[in-house]
Amino acid sequence: MRGALVGYVVFHELGHAITYDLIYRDAKGEYVAESILEPDDLEIFREKFEALEKYLDSITIWE
């Protein structure tokens, strides 16, 4: 059971690291209407985010 709990915590914290919401927060953590990323960087971020999302969706945690 400990392994499951560790896995849960790891993926939970990973979720904080990759949340899409953070690109709409300024240095003070306040919401901003436009992304803090430059347009080219935003496109790269979206591509990488979508690839990671697809990969994580392909993992079966428990059957």
N, C-alpha and C. Protein backbone atom coordinates (compact mmCIF):
# COMPACT_ATOMS: atom_id res chain seq x y z
N MET A 1 0.81 -1.20 0.00
CA MET A 1 0.00 0.00 0.00
C MET A 1 0.86 1.27 0.00
N ARG A 2 2.03 1.21 0.63
CA ARG A 2 2.89 2.39 0.67
C ARG A 2 3.28 2.86 -0.72
N GLY A 3 3.56 1.90 -1.61
CA GLY A 3 3.93 2.26 -2.98
C GLY A 3 2.84 3.05 -3.67
N ALA A 4 1.59 2.66 -3.43
CA ALA A 4 0.47 3.38 -4.02
C ALA A 4 0.40 4.79 -3.48
N LEU A 5 0.62 4.95 -2.20
CA LEU A 5 0.57 6.28 -1.60
C LEU A 5 1.70 7.17 -2.12
N VAL A 6 2.87 6.59 -2.25
CA VAL A 6 4.00 7.35 -2.79
C VAL A 6 3.70 7.77 -4.22
N GLY A 7 3.17 6.84 -5.01
CA GLY A 7 2.82 7.16 -6.39
C GLY A 7 1.78 8.26 -6.46
N TYR A 8 0.79 8.20 -5.57
CA TYR A 8 -0.24 9.23 -5.55
C TYR A 8 0.37 10.60 -5.26
N VAL A 9 1.22 10.65 -4.25
CA VAL A 9 1.84 11.92 -3.87
C VAL A 9 2.71 12.46 -5.00
N VAL A 10 3.49 11.58 -5.63
CA VAL A 10 4.37 12.01 -6.73
C VAL A 10 3.54 12.60 -7.86
N PHE A 11 2.51 11.90 -8.29
CA PHE A 11 1.70 12.40 -9.41
C PHE A 11 0.88 13.62 -9.01
N HIS A 12 0.47 13.68 -7.76
CA HIS A 12 -0.25 14.87 -7.29
C HIS A 12 0.66 16.10 -7.39
N GLU A 13 1.88 15.98 -6.90
CA GLU A 13 2.81 17.10 -6.94
C GLU A 13 3.23 17.41 -8.37
N LEU A 14 3.38 16.40 -9.19
CA LEU A 14 3.69 16.62 -10.61
C LEU A 14 2.58 17.46 -11.25
N GLY A 15 1.37 17.19 -10.85
CA GLY A 15 0.24 17.97 -11.36
C GLY A 15 0.37 19.46 -11.06
N HIS A 16 0.89 19.78 -9.88
CA HIS A 16 1.11 21.18 -9.54
C HIS A 16 2.17 21.79 -10.46
N ALA A 17 3.16 21.01 -10.79
CA ALA A 17 4.28 21.51 -11.60
C ALA A 17 3.87 21.77 -13.04
N ILE A 18 2.92 21.02 -13.55
CA ILE A 18 2.58 21.13 -14.97
C ILE A 18 1.22 21.76 -15.22
N THR A 19 0.63 22.31 -14.20
CA THR A 19 -0.69 22.89 -14.40
C THR A 19 -0.65 24.02 -15.43
N TYR A 20 -1.62 24.04 -16.26
CA TYR A 20 -1.73 25.04 -17.32
C TYR A 20 -1.98 26.43 -16.73
N ASP A 21 -2.57 26.47 -15.55
CA ASP A 21 -2.96 27.72 -14.91
C ASP A 21 -1.76 28.64 -14.61
N LEU A 22 -0.61 28.05 -14.37
CA LEU A 22 0.54 28.86 -13.95
C LEU A 22 1.04 29.83 -15.01
N ILE A 23 0.74 29.59 -16.26
CA ILE A 23 1.18 30.52 -17.29
C ILE A 23 0.30 31.76 -17.34
N TYR A 24 -0.72 31.79 -16.49
CA TYR A 24 -1.59 32.96 -16.37
C TYR A 24 -1.48 33.59 -14.99
N ARG A 25 -0.32 33.44 -14.36
CA ARG A 25 -0.04 34.05 -13.05
C ARG A 25 1.23 34.88 -13.15
N ASP A 26 1.23 36.03 -12.52
CA ASP A 26 2.43 36.85 -12.53
C ASP A 26 3.37 36.44 -11.39
N ALA A 27 4.44 37.18 -11.20
CA ALA A 27 5.44 36.84 -10.19
C ALA A 27 4.86 36.85 -8.78
N LYS A 28 3.79 37.59 -8.56
CA LYS A 28 3.15 37.65 -7.24
C LYS A 28 2.08 36.57 -7.07
N GLY A 29 1.86 35.79 -8.13
CA GLY A 29 0.85 34.73 -8.07
C GLY A 29 -0.54 35.21 -8.42
N GLU A 30 -0.64 36.44 -8.88
CA GLU A 30 -1.95 36.99 -9.22
C GLU A 30 -2.31 36.64 -10.66
N TYR A 31 -3.59 36.41 -10.89
CA TYR A 31 -4.07 36.05 -12.22
C TYR A 31 -3.90 37.22 -13.19
N VAL A 32 -3.45 36.90 -14.41
CA VAL A 32 -3.36 37.88 -15.48
C VAL A 32 -4.13 37.35 -16.68
N ALA A 33 -4.71 38.25 -17.46
CA ALA A 33 -5.59 37.84 -18.56
C ALA A 33 -4.86 37.14 -19.70
N GLU A 34 -3.61 37.54 -19.94
CA GLU A 34 -2.85 36.93 -21.03
C GLU A 34 -1.69 36.13 -20.47
N SER A 35 -1.28 35.13 -21.20
CA SER A 35 -0.16 34.29 -20.78
C SER A 35 1.09 35.11 -20.55
N ILE A 36 1.88 34.71 -19.57
CA ILE A 36 3.14 35.38 -19.30
C ILE A 36 4.22 34.95 -20.29
N LEU A 37 3.92 33.96 -21.11
CA LEU A 37 4.87 33.47 -22.10
C LEU A 37 4.75 34.24 -23.41
N GLU A 38 5.86 34.35 -24.09
CA GLU A 38 5.85 34.93 -25.44
C GLU A 38 5.09 33.96 -26.36
N PRO A 39 4.50 34.45 -27.45
CA PRO A 39 3.71 33.59 -28.33
C PRO A 39 4.45 32.31 -28.79
N ASP A 40 5.72 32.43 -29.18
CA ASP A 40 6.47 31.26 -29.62
C ASP A 40 6.67 30.27 -28.48
N ASP A 41 6.97 30.80 -27.30
CA ASP A 41 7.15 29.94 -26.13
C ASP A 41 5.84 29.28 -25.72
N LEU A 42 4.74 30.02 -25.84
CA LEU A 42 3.43 29.48 -25.50
C LEU A 42 3.09 28.29 -26.40
N GLU A 43 3.41 28.41 -27.68
CA GLU A 43 3.14 27.30 -28.61
C GLU A 43 3.97 26.07 -28.24
N ILE A 44 5.23 26.27 -27.91
CA ILE A 44 6.09 25.15 -27.49
C ILE A 44 5.55 24.53 -26.21
N PHE A 45 5.14 25.37 -25.26
CA PHE A 45 4.57 24.88 -24.00
C PHE A 45 3.34 24.03 -24.26
N ARG A 46 2.46 24.53 -25.11
CA ARG A 46 1.22 23.78 -25.42
C ARG A 46 1.54 22.42 -26.05
N GLU A 47 2.48 22.41 -26.97
CA GLU A 47 2.86 21.15 -27.61
C GLU A 47 3.40 20.15 -26.59
N LYS A 48 4.28 20.62 -25.72
CA LYS A 48 4.87 19.73 -24.71
C LYS A 48 3.83 19.31 -23.68
N PHE A 49 2.95 20.22 -23.30
CA PHE A 49 1.88 19.92 -22.35
C PHE A 49 0.95 18.85 -22.92
N GLU A 50 0.57 19.01 -24.17
CA GLU A 50 -0.32 18.04 -24.80
C GLU A 50 0.35 16.68 -24.94
N ALA A 51 1.65 16.65 -25.26
CA ALA A 51 2.37 15.38 -25.35
C ALA A 51 2.44 14.70 -23.98
N LEU A 52 2.70 15.47 -22.94
CA LEU A 52 2.74 14.91 -21.60
C LEU A 52 1.37 14.42 -21.17
N GLU A 53 0.34 15.18 -21.48
CA GLU A 53 -1.03 14.80 -21.16
C GLU A 53 -1.39 13.47 -21.85
N LYS A 54 -1.02 13.35 -23.12
CA LYS A 54 -1.29 12.12 -23.87
C LYS A 54 -0.56 10.93 -23.24
N TYR A 55 0.71 11.14 -22.86
CA TYR A 55 1.50 10.09 -22.23
C TYR A 55 0.87 9.66 -20.90
N LEU A 56 0.53 10.63 -20.07
CA LEU A 56 -0.06 10.30 -18.76
C LEU A 56 -1.40 9.61 -18.91
N ASP A 57 -2.17 10.00 -19.91
CA ASP A 57 -3.46 9.35 -20.16
C ASP A 57 -3.29 7.89 -20.59
N SER A 58 -2.13 7.56 -21.13
CA SER A 58 -1.91 6.19 -21.60
C SER A 58 -1.51 5.22 -20.47
N ILE A 59 -1.23 5.76 -19.30
CA ILE A 59 -0.79 4.93 -18.17
C ILE A 59 -2.02 4.41 -17.42
N THR A 60 -2.02 3.12 -17.19
CA THR A 60 -3.07 2.51 -16.38
C THR A 60 -2.51 2.31 -14.97
N ILE A 61 -3.11 3.00 -14.02
CA ILE A 61 -2.64 2.94 -12.64
C ILE A 61 -3.12 1.67 -11.96
N TRP A 62 -4.37 1.34 -12.18
CA TRP A 62 -4.96 0.20 -11.47
C TRP A 62 -6.07 -0.39 -12.31
N GLU A 63 -6.09 -1.71 -12.40
CA GLU A 63 -7.20 -2.38 -13.11
C GLU A 63 -7.87 -3.32 -12.19
